[in-house]
C-alpha atoms as a PDB file:
ATOM      1  CA  MET A   1    -102.479  44.482 167.984  1.00  0.00           C
ATOM      2  CA  ALA A   2    -104.914  44.792 164.914  1.00  0.00           C
ATOM      3  CA  THR A   3    -108.167  46.474 165.830  1.00  0.00           C
ATOM      4  CA  PRO A   4    -111.383  44.631 164.245  1.00  0.00           C
ATOM      5  CA  ALA A   5    -111.630  47.339 161.525  1.00  0.00           C
ATOM      6  CA  ASP A   6    -107.795  47.023 160.374  1.00  0.00           C
ATOM      7  CA  HIS A   7    -107.688  43.344 160.916  1.00  0.00           C
ATOM      8  CA  ASP A   8    -107.997  41.406 157.697  1.00  0.00           C
ATOM      9  CA  PRO A   9    -108.459  37.622 157.913  1.00  0.00           C
ATOM     10  CA  ALA A  10    -107.059  36.880 154.286  1.00  0.00           C
ATOM     11  CA  THR A  11    -103.697  37.829 155.650  1.00  0.00           C
ATOM     12  CA  ASP A  12    -103.838  35.499 158.541  1.00  0.00           C
ATOM     13  CA  ALA A  13    -103.723  32.472 155.990  1.00  0.00           C
ATOM     14  CA  ARG A  14    -100.215  31.756 154.087  1.00  0.00           C
ATOM     15  CA  PRO A  15    -101.004  32.390 150.035  1.00  0.00           C
ATOM     16  CA  ALA A  16     -99.886  29.353 147.991  1.00  0.00           C
ATOM     17  CA  HIS A  17     -96.521  29.121 147.848  1.00  0.00           C
ATOM     18  CA  ALA A  18     -96.350  29.002 144.044  1.00  0.00           C
ATOM     19  CA  ALA A  19     -97.471  32.981 144.107  1.00  0.00           C
ATOM     20  CA  LEU A  20     -94.742  33.910 146.237  1.00  0.00           C
ATOM     21  CA  PRO A  21     -91.775  35.421 145.423  1.00  0.00           C
ATOM     22  CA  CYS A  22     -88.248  34.749 147.315  1.00  0.00           C
ATOM     23  CA  VAL A  23     -87.496  37.766 149.338  1.00  0.00           C
ATOM     24  CA  LEU A  24     -84.666  39.307 150.846  1.00  0.00           C
ATOM     25  CA  ASP A  25     -83.868  42.340 153.430  1.00  0.00           C
ATOM     26  CA  ILE A  26     -80.785  43.429 154.867  1.00  0.00           C
ATOM     27  CA  GLU A  27     -79.669  45.339 158.184  1.00  0.00           C
ATOM     28  CA  ALA A  28     -76.584  47.530 157.733  1.00  0.00           C
ATOM     29  CA  SER A  29     -74.236  49.527 159.719  1.00  0.00           C
ATOM     30  CA  GLY A  30     -75.814  52.708 158.414  1.00  0.00           C
ATOM     31  CA  PHE A  31     -76.819  54.181 155.022  1.00  0.00           C
ATOM     32  CA  GLY A  32     -74.547  56.101 152.494  1.00  0.00           C
ATOM     33  CA  SER A  33     -71.082  55.874 151.816  1.00  0.00           C
ATOM     34  CA  GLY A  34     -68.670  53.260 153.635  1.00  0.00           C
ATOM     35  CA  SER A  35     -72.120  51.230 154.996  1.00  0.00           C
ATOM     36  CA  TYR A  36     -72.037  47.543 155.061  1.00  0.00           C
ATOM     37  CA  PRO A  37     -74.197  44.570 155.405  1.00  0.00           C
ATOM     38  CA  ILE A  38     -74.541  43.302 159.177  1.00  0.00           C
ATOM     39  CA  GLU A  39     -77.446  40.926 158.359  1.00  0.00           C
ATOM     40  CA  ILE A  40     -79.015  39.228 155.717  1.00  0.00           C
ATOM     41  CA  GLY A  41     -82.504  37.169 155.655  1.00  0.00           C
ATOM     42  CA  PHE A  42     -84.362  35.677 152.930  1.00  0.00           C
ATOM     43  CA  VAL A  43     -87.475  34.273 152.853  1.00  0.00           C
ATOM     44  CA  LEU A  44     -88.279  31.204 149.705  1.00  0.00           C
ATOM     45  CA  PRO A  45     -91.406  30.713 148.234  1.00  0.00           C
ATOM     46  CA  ASP A  46     -92.227  27.891 150.447  1.00  0.00           C
ATOM     47  CA  GLY A  47     -91.875  30.179 153.635  1.00  0.00           C
ATOM     48  CA  THR A  48     -88.214  28.521 154.457  1.00  0.00           C
ATOM     49  CA  ALA A  49     -86.660  31.552 156.013  1.00  0.00           C
ATOM     50  CA  TYR A  50     -82.543  32.026 156.619  1.00  0.00           C
ATOM     51  CA  CYS A  51     -81.069  34.720 158.526  1.00  0.00           C
ATOM     52  CA  THR A  52     -77.185  35.417 159.688  1.00  0.00           C
ATOM     53  CA  LEU A  53     -75.129  37.982 161.226  1.00  0.00           C
ATOM     54  CA  ILE A  54     -72.095  38.958 159.183  1.00  0.00           C
ATOM     55  CA  ALA A  55     -68.637  39.753 161.133  1.00  0.00           C
ATOM     56  CA  PRO A  56     -67.179  42.906 159.400  1.00  0.00           C
ATOM     57  CA  ASP A  57     -64.588  42.865 157.156  1.00  0.00           C
ATOM     58  CA  GLU A  58     -61.170  44.786 158.251  1.00  0.00           C
ATOM     59  CA  SER A  59     -61.923  47.428 156.098  1.00  0.00           C
ATOM     60  CA  TRP A  60     -65.603  48.152 157.193  1.00  0.00           C
ATOM     61  CA  THR A  61     -65.157  50.679 159.715  1.00  0.00           C
ATOM     62  CA  HIS A  62     -68.607  52.932 159.126  1.00  0.00           C
ATOM     63  CA  TRP A  63     -71.017  52.742 162.160  1.00  0.00           C
ATOM     64  CA  ASP A  64     -74.250  54.766 162.301  1.00  0.00           C
ATOM     65  CA  ASP A  65     -75.461  54.335 166.155  1.00  0.00           C
ATOM     66  CA  ASP A  66     -78.736  55.349 164.721  1.00  0.00           C
ATOM     67  CA  ALA A  67     -78.877  52.424 162.243  1.00  0.00           C
ATOM     68  CA  GLU A  68     -77.816  50.126 165.456  1.00  0.00           C
ATOM     69  CA  ARG A  69     -80.719  51.739 167.552  1.00  0.00           C
ATOM     70  CA  MET A  70     -83.330  50.863 164.595  1.00  0.00           C
ATOM     71  CA  HIS A  71     -81.956  47.248 163.980  1.00  0.00           C
ATOM     72  CA  GLY A  72     -80.511  46.214 167.738  1.00  0.00           C
ATOM     73  CA  ILE A  73     -77.601  44.997 166.212  1.00  0.00           C
ATOM     74  CA  SER A  74     -74.237  45.567 168.200  1.00  0.00           C
ATOM     75  CA  ARG A  75     -71.012  45.555 166.930  1.00  0.00           C
ATOM     76  CA  SER A  76     -69.928  43.574 169.886  1.00  0.00           C
ATOM     77  CA  LEU A  77     -72.724  41.230 168.973  1.00  0.00           C
ATOM     78  CA  LEU A  78     -71.355  41.118 165.316  1.00  0.00           C
ATOM     79  CA  HIS A  79     -68.171  40.270 166.610  1.00  0.00           C
ATOM     80  CA  ARG A  80     -69.195  37.417 168.975  1.00  0.00           C
ATOM     81  CA  HIS A  81     -71.980  35.652 166.304  1.00  0.00           C
ATOM     82  CA  GLY A  82     -71.425  37.228 162.647  1.00  0.00           C
ATOM     83  CA  ARG A  83     -70.076  34.843 160.148  1.00  0.00           C
ATOM     84  CA  GLY A  84     -66.901  35.932 157.727  1.00  0.00           C
ATOM     85  CA  ALA A  85     -68.229  37.372 154.060  1.00  0.00           C
ATOM     86  CA  GLN A  86     -66.728  34.725 152.388  1.00  0.00           C
ATOM     87  CA  GLU A  87     -68.910  31.902 154.539  1.00  0.00           C
ATOM     88  CA  VAL A  88     -71.977  34.261 153.967  1.00  0.00           C
ATOM     89  CA  ALA A  89     -71.342  34.954 150.582  1.00  0.00           C
ATOM     90  CA  GLN A  90     -70.706  31.211 149.580  1.00  0.00           C
ATOM     91  CA  GLU A  91     -74.166  30.349 151.725  1.00  0.00           C
ATOM     92  CA  LEU A  92     -75.883  32.911 149.833  1.00  0.00           C
ATOM     93  CA  ASN A  93     -75.185  31.549 146.385  1.00  0.00           C
ATOM     94  CA  GLN A  94     -75.870  27.956 147.199  1.00  0.00           C
ATOM     95  CA  ARG A  95     -79.042  28.598 148.668  1.00  0.00           C
ATOM     96  CA  LEU A  96     -80.244  31.490 146.368  1.00  0.00           C
ATOM     97  CA  ALA A  97     -78.636  29.548 143.349  1.00  0.00           C
ATOM     98  CA  GLY A  98     -80.125  30.472 139.774  1.00  0.00           C
ATOM     99  CA  ARG A  99     -83.359  32.690 141.257  1.00  0.00           C
ATOM    100  CA  THR A 100     -84.437  35.959 141.000  1.00  0.00           C
ATOM    101  CA  VAL A 101     -84.339  37.540 144.598  1.00  0.00           C
ATOM    102  CA  TYR A 102     -86.551  40.733 145.145  1.00  0.00           C
ATOM    103  CA  CYS A 103     -86.191  43.470 147.852  1.00  0.00           C
ATOM    104  CA  ASP A 104     -87.634  46.697 148.935  1.00  0.00           C
ATOM    105  CA  ASN A 105     -84.810  48.877 148.729  1.00  0.00           C
ATOM    106  CA  TRP A 106     -82.957  47.887 145.482  1.00  0.00           C
ATOM    107  CA  ALA A 107     -80.373  50.806 145.994  1.00  0.00           C
ATOM    108  CA  HIS A 108     -79.249  50.239 149.503  1.00  0.00           C
ATOM    109  CA  ASP A 109     -79.517  46.574 149.279  1.00  0.00           C
ATOM    110  CA  TYR A 110     -77.747  45.958 145.897  1.00  0.00           C
ATOM    111  CA  ALA A 111     -74.830  47.958 147.194  1.00  0.00           C
ATOM    112  CA  TRP A 112     -74.596  46.169 150.315  1.00  0.00           C
ATOM    113  CA  LEU A 113     -74.911  43.047 148.690  1.00  0.00           C
ATOM    114  CA  ALA A 114     -72.083  44.467 145.946  1.00  0.00           C
ATOM    115  CA  ARG A 115     -69.847  45.323 149.358  1.00  0.00           C
ATOM    116  CA  LEU A 116     -70.029  41.813 150.049  1.00  0.00           C
ATOM    117  CA  PHE A 117     -69.451  39.936 147.513  1.00  0.00           C
ATOM    118  CA  GLU A 118     -66.734  42.259 146.279  1.00  0.00           C
ATOM    119  CA  SER A 119     -64.766  41.884 149.420  1.00  0.00           C
ATOM    120  CA  THR A 120     -64.760  38.212 148.544  1.00  0.00           C
ATOM    121  CA  ASP A 121     -63.751  38.024 144.986  1.00  0.00           C
ATOM    122  CA  ILE A 122     -67.121  35.946 144.473  1.00  0.00           C
ATOM    123  CA  SER A 123     -69.600  36.675 141.623  1.00  0.00           C
ATOM    124  CA  PRO A 124     -73.261  35.846 142.878  1.00  0.00           C
ATOM    125  CA  SER A 125     -75.377  33.657 141.594  1.00  0.00           C
ATOM    126  CA  PHE A 126     -78.668  35.196 141.420  1.00  0.00           C
ATOM    127  CA  ARG A 127     -80.384  38.125 140.685  1.00  0.00           C
ATOM    128  CA  LEU A 128     -81.609  40.776 143.105  1.00  0.00           C
ATOM    129  CA  ARG A 129     -84.766  42.790 141.830  1.00  0.00           C
ATOM    130  CA  HIS A 130     -87.021  45.672 143.489  1.00  0.00           C
ATOM    131  CA  LEU A 131     -90.604  44.224 144.557  1.00  0.00           C
ATOM    132  CA  ARG A 132     -92.440  47.085 142.716  1.00  0.00           C
ATOM    133  CA  GLU A 133     -91.534  44.892 139.799  1.00  0.00           C
ATOM    134  CA  LEU A 134     -93.920  42.399 140.804  1.00  0.00           C
ATOM    135  CA  MET A 135     -96.699  44.622 141.163  1.00  0.00           C
ATOM    136  CA  SER A 136     -99.469  46.711 139.350  1.00  0.00           C
ATOM    137  CA  GLU A 137     -99.375  50.471 139.738  1.00  0.00           C
ATOM    138  CA  ARG A 138    -102.228  50.198 141.764  1.00  0.00           C
ATOM    139  CA  ALA A 139    -101.511  47.455 143.788  1.00  0.00           C
ATOM    140  CA  ALA A 140     -98.034  49.547 144.136  1.00  0.00           C
ATOM    141  CA  GLU A 141     -99.879  52.517 145.359  1.00  0.00           C
ATOM    142  CA  HIS A 142    -101.140  50.554 148.378  1.00  0.00           C
ATOM    143  CA  PHE A 143     -98.047  48.543 149.152  1.00  0.00           C
ATOM    144  CA  ASP A 144     -97.089  50.469 152.320  1.00  0.00           C
ATOM    145  CA  ASP A 145    -100.756  50.400 154.376  1.00  0.00           C
ATOM    146  CA  THR A 146    -100.525  46.576 153.211  1.00  0.00           C
ATOM    147  CA  ARG A 147     -97.495  46.256 154.432  1.00  0.00           C
ATOM    148  CA  GLU A 148     -98.112  47.746 157.909  1.00  0.00           C
ATOM    149  CA  MET A 149    -100.977  45.647 158.221  1.00  0.00           C
ATOM    150  CA  VAL A 150     -99.468  42.424 157.021  1.00  0.00           C
ATOM    151  CA  ALA A 151     -96.465  43.359 159.668  1.00  0.00           C
ATOM    152  CA  ARG A 152     -99.254  44.330 162.356  1.00  0.00           C
ATOM    153  CA  ASN A 153    -101.129  41.050 161.999  1.00  0.00           C
ATOM    154  CA  LEU A 154     -97.963  38.739 162.515  1.00  0.00           C
ATOM    155  CA  GLN A 155     -97.005  40.921 165.478  1.00  0.00           C
ATOM    156  CA  LEU A 156     -93.369  40.274 165.122  1.00  0.00           C
ATOM    157  CA  ARG A 157     -91.331  41.697 168.170  1.00  0.00           C
ATOM    158  CA  ARG A 158     -87.954  42.649 166.705  1.00  0.00           C
ATOM    159  CA  HIS A 159     -86.509  44.524 163.510  1.00  0.00           C
ATOM    160  CA  ARG A 160     -84.190  42.211 161.647  1.00  0.00           C
ATOM    161  CA  ALA A 161     -83.683  40.818 158.186  1.00  0.00           C
ATOM    162  CA  SER A 162     -85.769  37.518 158.014  1.00  0.00           C
ATOM    163  CA  SER A 163     -88.591  38.841 159.749  1.00  0.00           C
ATOM    164  CA  ASP A 164     -88.760  41.966 157.635  1.00  0.00           C
ATOM    165  CA  ALA A 165     -88.291  39.823 154.539  1.00  0.00           C
ATOM    166  CA  ARG A 166     -91.395  37.342 155.774  1.00  0.00           C
ATOM    167  CA  VAL A 167     -93.266  40.523 156.231  1.00  0.00           C
ATOM    168  CA  LEU A 168     -91.928  41.960 152.634  1.00  0.00           C
ATOM    169  CA  GLN A 169     -93.124  38.725 151.003  1.00  0.00           C
ATOM    170  CA  LEU A 170     -96.385  38.586 152.823  1.00  0.00           C
ATOM    171  CA  SER A 171     -97.402  41.876 151.738  1.00  0.00           C
ATOM    172  CA  VAL A 172     -96.515  41.841 148.307  1.00  0.00           C
ATOM    173  CA  ALA A 173     -98.471  38.570 147.779  1.00  0.00           C
ATOM    174  CA  LYS A 174    -101.504  40.637 149.483  1.00  0.00           C
ATOM    175  CA  ALA A 175    -100.942  43.703 147.345  1.00  0.00           C
ATOM    176  CA  MET A 176    -101.176  41.424 143.793  1.00  0.00           C
ATOM    177  CA  GLN A 177    -104.082  39.758 145.428  1.00  0.00           C
ATOM    178  CA  ASN A 178    -105.995  42.672 146.000  1.00  0.00           C
ATOM    179  CA  GLY A 179    -104.659  44.547 142.641  1.00  0.00           C
ATOM    180  CA  SER A 180    -106.358  42.823 140.514  1.00  0.00           C
ATOM    181  CA  ASP A 181    -104.266  43.713 137.473  1.00  0.00           C
ATOM    182  CA  ALA A 182    -101.049  42.584 138.776  1.00  0.00           C
ATOM    183  CA  PRO A 183     -99.111  41.036 136.412  1.00  0.00           C
ATOM    184  CA  GLY A 184     -97.957  37.798 138.682  1.00  0.00           C
ATOM    185  CA  LEU A 185     -95.052  36.060 139.289  1.00  0.00           C
ATOM    186  CA  ALA A 186     -94.908  33.947 135.983  1.00  0.00           C
ATOM    187  CA  ARG A 187     -91.367  35.632 134.917  1.00  0.00           C
ATOM    188  CA  ALA A 188     -89.797  35.186 138.492  1.00  0.00           C
END
């Protein structure tokens, strides 16, 4: 729970969605070689959220128990409720066509998206970029603190892709608002 000292009423109100980026987050089977996406979530500029579990492709076998403890998604949950890679890739393309989509961990997220799309022989219809591209250097320097404050204020109970995407979206908006020399989203 936020204390009066770190509570900022400005994060309670949603910024105008013209100023919000489309943000994506991915939960994965682990890190490094062999890892793959198990959940993808995104939040559009208007606040609409999307999230889905992904059933592992037969060739996707890597599993890291530490990653499972962090995101709380078990293999059995994926097998019961996950959707096939083909279906997920097609839906992402439909919902995100032509957009620039931002993430906070570009190297991992790009690799996991590539693994998803390569397994389906489908090309993404959207571009993935790093959130830091939206912020001035000053705003980027304070981004981690801003993200922690936004997460506390939202009081989300679980570490999942769409929840994380919402925290990131509101955090970058707040960081840009506080960084007077922020470049804005005109190029997104």
